[in-house]
Each structure stands twice: as C-alpha cells, then as structure tokens.
C-alpha cells in the first residue's frame, strides 16, 4: 500500500535522525528518485530527539504504472536537534507535505516528496 511506503520512509528518517546517521541503508526500501535524494540529505549526521506527528491521506490510485498522491501536514515541533538553535527563524512546526508513491513491480516506493514552508497547514 502506498501509505505504508510513505510511513515507512518517515520511520527510517526518524530512526536515522535518532542515531545521527548520514543517509540510511533502508531508505531505498521505501523511496526512490527525488524522494530518496531528499530524505538521504535530511540525514546529515546530527542527532535528533522526539518524533514528528503525521496524518497522511492518500488519493485514489491512478495511471500506468499505478501512482498515488499523498497529502500530509507534518508537525515536527517535537522532533528537534537539541544542539541547533536558530535565532532568526523558527524552523519547526506544521508544514504541508505532498508525496507521490508509484508501484514498482509489487512494491510501492515514494518517488517525489515536497515540503512546503512552515505554517503552510
């Protein structure tokens, strides 16, 4: 299911952020293309605590190969990097996320992942 790939991708990103990894070998189980590049870049060796809150919704499957659009509003205010403080701009809170998952053979992979500005949802 497309939402399982989306949630799995974020689970790996969160796990990797807790471990302070650079990239993560399990990301390609859930993501490919631009989404894999973006999530790999998110894991840059810093240690985060907490977890984001998500509530994704999937549109109907369409196209050939089948694809699904996923809309989410992620709140990452509890998913923080303690050593990073930003004086000028708050870089946490709620933001719109749009993803596209595509069926590759028998498994869904997130191919596109777009994170909007904070406060966008």
N, C-alpha and C. Protein backbone atom coordinates (compact mmCIF):
# COMPACT_ATOMS: atom_id res chain seq x y z
N UNK A 1 0.84 -1.18 0.00
CA UNK A 1 0.00 0.00 0.00
C UNK A 1 0.89 1.25 0.00
N UNK A 2 0.48 2.26 -0.71
CA UNK A 2 1.26 3.49 -0.87
C UNK A 2 1.51 4.19 0.46
N UNK A 3 0.51 4.24 1.34
CA UNK A 3 0.71 4.89 2.64
C UNK A 3 1.72 4.16 3.49
N UNK A 4 1.82 2.84 3.35
CA UNK A 4 2.83 2.08 4.09
C UNK A 4 4.23 2.50 3.66
N UNK A 5 4.43 2.73 2.37
CA UNK A 5 5.74 3.19 1.88
C UNK A 5 6.06 4.57 2.44
N UNK A 6 5.07 5.45 2.43
CA UNK A 6 5.25 6.81 2.96
C UNK A 6 5.61 6.79 4.45
N UNK A 7 4.83 6.04 5.22
CA UNK A 7 5.10 5.96 6.66
C UNK A 7 6.43 5.27 6.93
N UNK A 8 6.72 4.22 6.17
CA UNK A 8 8.00 3.52 6.34
C UNK A 8 9.18 4.42 6.06
N UNK A 9 9.06 5.24 5.01
CA UNK A 9 10.13 6.18 4.68
C UNK A 9 10.39 7.13 5.85
N UNK A 10 9.31 7.70 6.40
CA UNK A 10 9.47 8.63 7.52
C UNK A 10 10.00 7.91 8.76
N UNK A 11 9.57 6.66 8.99
CA UNK A 11 10.09 5.90 10.13
C UNK A 11 11.61 5.74 10.03
N UNK A 12 12.10 5.45 8.83
CA UNK A 12 13.55 5.31 8.64
C UNK A 12 14.25 6.64 8.85
N UNK A 13 13.67 7.73 8.35
CA UNK A 13 14.28 9.06 8.55
C UNK A 13 14.35 9.39 10.04
N UNK A 14 13.26 9.16 10.77
CA UNK A 14 13.25 9.45 12.20
C UNK A 14 14.26 8.58 12.94
N UNK A 15 14.27 7.28 12.64
CA UNK A 15 15.23 6.37 13.26
C UNK A 15 16.66 6.83 12.98
N UNK A 16 16.93 7.16 11.72
CA UNK A 16 18.27 7.63 11.36
C UNK A 16 18.64 8.92 12.06
N UNK A 17 17.67 9.80 12.26
CA UNK A 17 17.96 11.07 12.94
C UNK A 17 18.27 10.83 14.42
N UNK A 18 17.66 9.82 15.02
CA UNK A 18 17.96 9.49 16.42
C UNK A 18 19.36 8.90 16.56
N UNK A 19 19.81 8.20 15.51
CA UNK A 19 21.14 7.57 15.53
C UNK A 19 22.23 8.51 15.05
N UNK A 20 21.86 9.64 14.46
CA UNK A 20 22.86 10.56 13.92
C UNK A 20 23.56 10.03 12.68
N UNK A 21 22.84 9.25 11.88
CA UNK A 21 23.44 8.66 10.69
C UNK A 21 23.53 9.67 9.55
N UNK A 22 24.37 9.33 8.60
CA UNK A 22 24.44 10.07 7.34
C UNK A 22 23.84 9.14 6.31
N UNK A 23 22.69 9.53 5.77
CA UNK A 23 21.95 8.63 4.89
C UNK A 23 21.43 7.46 5.72
N UNK A 24 20.85 6.47 5.10
CA UNK A 24 20.40 5.27 5.80
C UNK A 24 20.21 4.17 4.77
N UNK A 25 20.78 2.99 5.01
CA UNK A 25 20.69 1.92 4.01
C UNK A 25 19.28 1.41 3.76
N UNK A 26 18.35 1.64 4.69
CA UNK A 26 16.98 1.13 4.49
C UNK A 26 16.08 2.10 3.73
N UNK A 27 16.54 3.30 3.44
CA UNK A 27 15.68 4.27 2.75
C UNK A 27 15.22 3.77 1.38
N UNK A 28 16.10 3.06 0.67
CA UNK A 28 15.70 2.62 -0.67
C UNK A 28 14.66 1.50 -0.65
N UNK A 29 14.28 1.03 0.55
CA UNK A 29 13.16 0.09 0.67
C UNK A 29 11.82 0.81 0.49
N UNK A 30 11.83 2.14 0.70
CA UNK A 30 10.59 2.93 0.71
C UNK A 30 10.58 4.09 -0.27
N UNK A 31 11.75 4.52 -0.71
CA UNK A 31 11.83 5.72 -1.55
C UNK A 31 12.80 5.52 -2.71
N UNK A 32 12.58 6.30 -3.76
CA UNK A 32 13.45 6.29 -4.92
C UNK A 32 13.45 7.69 -5.51
N UNK A 33 14.32 7.95 -6.46
CA UNK A 33 14.33 9.23 -7.17
C UNK A 33 14.51 10.43 -6.27
N UNK A 34 13.75 11.48 -6.53
CA UNK A 34 13.87 12.74 -5.79
C UNK A 34 13.58 12.56 -4.31
N UNK A 35 12.61 11.71 -3.96
CA UNK A 35 12.29 11.48 -2.55
C UNK A 35 13.45 10.82 -1.82
N UNK A 36 14.12 9.89 -2.47
CA UNK A 36 15.29 9.24 -1.86
C UNK A 36 16.42 10.25 -1.68
N UNK A 37 16.63 11.10 -2.67
CA UNK A 37 17.68 12.11 -2.56
C UNK A 37 17.39 13.08 -1.40
N UNK A 38 16.15 13.53 -1.29
CA UNK A 38 15.78 14.48 -0.24
C UNK A 38 15.90 13.86 1.14
N UNK A 39 15.36 12.66 1.32
CA UNK A 39 15.41 12.04 2.65
C UNK A 39 16.84 11.66 3.03
N UNK A 40 17.64 11.27 2.06
CA UNK A 40 19.05 10.99 2.34
C UNK A 40 19.75 12.25 2.80
N UNK A 41 19.45 13.38 2.16
CA UNK A 41 20.05 14.66 2.54
C UNK A 41 19.61 15.11 3.94
N UNK A 42 18.41 14.71 4.35
CA UNK A 42 17.93 15.07 5.69
C UNK A 42 18.79 14.42 6.78
N UNK A 43 19.33 13.25 6.48
CA UNK A 43 20.14 12.52 7.45
C UNK A 43 21.61 12.93 7.24
N UNK A 44 21.98 13.96 7.93
CA UNK A 44 23.30 14.55 7.74
C UNK A 44 24.20 14.41 8.96
N UNK A 45 23.92 13.42 9.80
CA UNK A 45 24.79 13.11 10.92
C UNK A 45 24.47 13.82 12.22
N UNK A 46 23.38 14.56 12.28
CA UNK A 46 23.01 15.22 13.54
C UNK A 46 22.05 14.31 14.31
N UNK A 47 22.05 14.46 15.62
CA UNK A 47 21.19 13.65 16.48
C UNK A 47 19.93 14.44 16.84
N UNK A 48 18.79 13.88 16.52
CA UNK A 48 17.50 14.50 16.86
C UNK A 48 16.83 13.68 17.96
N UNK A 49 15.90 14.33 18.62
CA UNK A 49 15.08 13.64 19.61
C UNK A 49 13.61 13.84 19.25
N UNK A 50 12.76 13.01 19.82
CA UNK A 50 11.33 13.13 19.57
C UNK A 50 10.95 12.59 18.21
N UNK A 51 9.71 12.85 17.84
CA UNK A 51 9.18 12.38 16.56
C UNK A 51 8.20 13.38 15.99
N UNK A 52 8.10 13.44 14.67
CA UNK A 52 7.08 14.30 14.07
C UNK A 52 5.71 13.65 14.19
N UNK A 53 4.67 14.46 14.17
CA UNK A 53 3.30 13.96 14.12
C UNK A 53 2.82 14.07 12.68
N UNK A 54 2.22 12.98 12.19
CA UNK A 54 1.77 12.93 10.81
C UNK A 54 0.35 12.41 10.74
N UNK A 55 -0.34 12.79 9.70
CA UNK A 55 -1.69 12.28 9.44
C UNK A 55 -1.91 12.26 7.93
N UNK A 56 -1.19 11.37 7.22
CA UNK A 56 -1.27 11.37 5.75
C UNK A 56 -2.58 10.81 5.23
N UNK A 57 -2.98 11.34 4.08
CA UNK A 57 -4.15 10.84 3.37
C UNK A 57 -3.77 10.60 1.92
N UNK A 58 -4.25 9.49 1.38
CA UNK A 58 -3.92 9.11 0.01
C UNK A 58 -5.11 9.32 -0.91
N UNK A 59 -4.82 9.77 -2.12
CA UNK A 59 -5.85 9.89 -3.16
C UNK A 59 -6.05 8.50 -3.79
N UNK A 60 -6.99 8.42 -4.69
CA UNK A 60 -7.23 7.16 -5.40
C UNK A 60 -6.06 6.84 -6.32
N UNK A 61 -5.80 5.56 -6.47
CA UNK A 61 -4.76 5.07 -7.36
C UNK A 61 -5.13 5.42 -8.81
N UNK A 62 -4.13 5.83 -9.60
CA UNK A 62 -4.38 6.15 -11.00
C UNK A 62 -3.12 5.91 -11.82
N UNK A 63 -3.29 5.88 -13.14
CA UNK A 63 -2.18 5.82 -14.08
C UNK A 63 -1.62 4.43 -14.31
N UNK A 64 -0.62 4.41 -15.18
CA UNK A 64 0.09 3.18 -15.50
C UNK A 64 1.57 3.50 -15.68
N UNK A 65 2.45 3.14 -14.77
CA UNK A 65 2.20 2.32 -13.59
C UNK A 65 1.34 3.08 -12.58
N UNK A 66 0.65 2.35 -11.71
CA UNK A 66 -0.20 2.99 -10.72
C UNK A 66 0.58 3.93 -9.81
N UNK A 67 -0.03 5.09 -9.53
CA UNK A 67 0.58 6.05 -8.61
C UNK A 67 -0.51 6.60 -7.70
N UNK A 68 -0.05 7.12 -6.56
CA UNK A 68 -0.96 7.67 -5.57
C UNK A 68 -0.35 8.97 -5.05
N UNK A 69 -1.17 10.02 -5.00
CA UNK A 69 -0.77 11.27 -4.36
C UNK A 69 -1.07 11.18 -2.88
N UNK A 70 -0.15 11.67 -2.07
CA UNK A 70 -0.31 11.65 -0.62
C UNK A 70 -0.17 13.08 -0.11
N UNK A 71 -1.14 13.50 0.68
CA UNK A 71 -1.13 14.83 1.31
C UNK A 71 -0.97 14.64 2.81
N UNK A 72 -0.15 15.48 3.41
CA UNK A 72 0.08 15.38 4.84
C UNK A 72 0.33 16.77 5.40
N UNK A 73 0.14 16.90 6.70
CA UNK A 73 0.50 18.10 7.43
C UNK A 73 1.34 17.62 8.61
N UNK A 74 2.65 17.72 8.45
CA UNK A 74 3.57 17.21 9.47
C UNK A 74 3.84 18.31 10.49
N UNK A 75 3.77 17.92 11.75
CA UNK A 75 4.15 18.82 12.84
C UNK A 75 5.44 18.26 13.44
N UNK A 76 6.54 18.95 13.18
CA UNK A 76 7.83 18.46 13.67
C UNK A 76 8.35 19.27 14.87
N UNK A 77 7.45 19.96 15.56
CA UNK A 77 7.87 20.78 16.70
C UNK A 77 8.43 19.94 17.84
N UNK A 78 8.07 18.66 17.92
CA UNK A 78 8.60 17.78 18.97
C UNK A 78 9.77 16.93 18.47
N UNK A 79 10.16 17.12 17.21
CA UNK A 79 11.27 16.38 16.59
C UNK A 79 12.39 17.39 16.41
N UNK A 80 13.30 17.44 17.35
CA UNK A 80 14.26 18.53 17.39
C UNK A 80 15.70 18.04 17.46
N UNK A 81 16.59 18.93 17.05
CA UNK A 81 18.02 18.73 17.18
C UNK A 81 18.47 19.65 18.30
N UNK A 82 18.72 19.10 19.51
CA UNK A 82 18.99 19.94 20.68
C UNK A 82 20.14 20.93 20.50
N UNK A 83 21.19 20.55 19.80
CA UNK A 83 22.33 21.45 19.67
C UNK A 83 22.14 22.56 18.65
N UNK A 84 21.08 22.47 17.85
CA UNK A 84 20.81 23.51 16.86
C UNK A 84 19.84 24.53 17.42
N UNK A 85 20.28 25.75 17.51
CA UNK A 85 19.38 26.84 17.89
C UNK A 85 19.41 27.87 16.79
N UNK A 86 18.26 28.38 16.47
CA UNK A 86 18.14 29.37 15.41
C UNK A 86 17.56 30.64 16.00
N UNK A 87 18.35 31.71 15.93
CA UNK A 87 17.89 32.98 16.48
C UNK A 87 16.95 33.72 15.54
N UNK A 88 17.16 33.57 14.24
CA UNK A 88 16.44 34.40 13.29
C UNK A 88 15.08 33.84 12.87
N UNK A 89 14.99 32.54 12.65
CA UNK A 89 13.76 31.98 12.09
C UNK A 89 13.44 30.65 12.75
N UNK A 90 12.19 30.47 13.16
CA UNK A 90 11.77 29.22 13.73
C UNK A 90 11.63 28.19 12.61
N UNK A 91 12.35 27.10 12.71
CA UNK A 91 12.33 26.06 11.69
C UNK A 91 11.70 24.79 12.23
N UNK A 92 10.56 24.96 12.87
CA UNK A 92 9.81 23.79 13.32
C UNK A 92 8.33 24.16 13.37
N UNK A 93 7.50 23.15 13.43
CA UNK A 93 6.07 23.36 13.47
C UNK A 93 5.37 22.59 12.39
N UNK A 94 4.23 23.10 11.96
CA UNK A 94 3.40 22.42 10.98
C UNK A 94 3.74 22.89 9.57
N UNK A 95 3.80 21.92 8.66
CA UNK A 95 4.05 22.24 7.25
C UNK A 95 3.39 21.21 6.36
N UNK A 96 2.92 21.67 5.22
CA UNK A 96 2.30 20.78 4.24
C UNK A 96 3.37 19.94 3.57
N UNK A 97 3.01 18.69 3.34
CA UNK A 97 3.89 17.76 2.65
C UNK A 97 3.06 17.07 1.57
N UNK A 98 3.62 17.00 0.37
CA UNK A 98 2.99 16.31 -0.74
C UNK A 98 3.96 15.26 -1.24
N UNK A 99 3.46 14.06 -1.47
CA UNK A 99 4.31 12.97 -1.96
C UNK A 99 3.58 12.24 -3.07
N UNK A 100 4.35 11.57 -3.91
CA UNK A 100 3.80 10.68 -4.92
C UNK A 100 4.46 9.33 -4.76
N UNK A 101 3.64 8.30 -4.57
CA UNK A 101 4.13 6.93 -4.49
C UNK A 101 3.73 6.21 -5.77
N UNK A 102 4.67 5.40 -6.28
CA UNK A 102 4.45 4.68 -7.53
C UNK A 102 4.69 3.20 -7.28
N UNK A 103 3.86 2.37 -7.90
CA UNK A 103 4.01 0.92 -7.78
C UNK A 103 5.13 0.46 -8.70
N UNK A 104 6.16 -0.12 -8.10
CA UNK A 104 7.31 -0.68 -8.83
C UNK A 104 7.24 -2.19 -8.66
N UNK A 105 6.80 -2.87 -9.69
CA UNK A 105 6.62 -4.32 -9.56
C UNK A 105 5.51 -4.59 -8.57
N UNK A 106 5.88 -5.15 -7.42
CA UNK A 106 4.88 -5.45 -6.40
C UNK A 106 5.02 -4.58 -5.16
N UNK A 107 5.87 -3.56 -5.20
CA UNK A 107 6.01 -2.71 -4.01
C UNK A 107 5.91 -1.24 -4.36
N UNK A 108 5.34 -0.51 -3.43
CA UNK A 108 5.18 0.93 -3.57
C UNK A 108 6.44 1.63 -3.10
N UNK A 109 6.87 2.64 -3.86
CA UNK A 109 8.01 3.49 -3.48
C UNK A 109 7.60 4.94 -3.61
N UNK A 110 8.00 5.76 -2.66
CA UNK A 110 7.77 7.19 -2.75
C UNK A 110 8.80 7.75 -3.72
N UNK A 111 8.33 8.39 -4.81
CA UNK A 111 9.23 8.93 -5.82
C UNK A 111 9.44 10.43 -5.66
N UNK A 112 8.41 11.14 -5.22
CA UNK A 112 8.50 12.59 -5.06
C UNK A 112 8.05 12.97 -3.67
N UNK A 113 8.76 13.95 -3.08
CA UNK A 113 8.45 14.42 -1.75
C UNK A 113 8.70 15.92 -1.72
N UNK A 114 7.67 16.68 -1.40
CA UNK A 114 7.76 18.13 -1.40
C UNK A 114 7.34 18.66 -0.03
N UNK A 115 8.23 19.40 0.62
CA UNK A 115 7.97 20.00 1.92
C UNK A 115 7.76 21.50 1.74
N UNK A 116 6.60 21.97 2.12
CA UNK A 116 6.29 23.40 2.00
C UNK A 116 6.86 24.18 3.18
N UNK A 117 6.68 25.48 3.16
CA UNK A 117 7.17 26.34 4.25
C UNK A 117 6.43 26.05 5.53
N UNK A 118 7.10 26.34 6.65
CA UNK A 118 6.43 26.20 7.95
C UNK A 118 5.24 27.13 8.01
N UNK A 119 4.18 26.66 8.63
CA UNK A 119 2.95 27.44 8.73
C UNK A 119 2.04 27.25 7.54
N UNK A 120 2.37 26.35 6.61
CA UNK A 120 1.58 26.16 5.40
C UNK A 120 0.34 25.28 5.62
N UNK A 121 0.17 24.76 6.82
CA UNK A 121 -1.06 23.98 7.12
C UNK A 121 -1.41 24.13 8.58
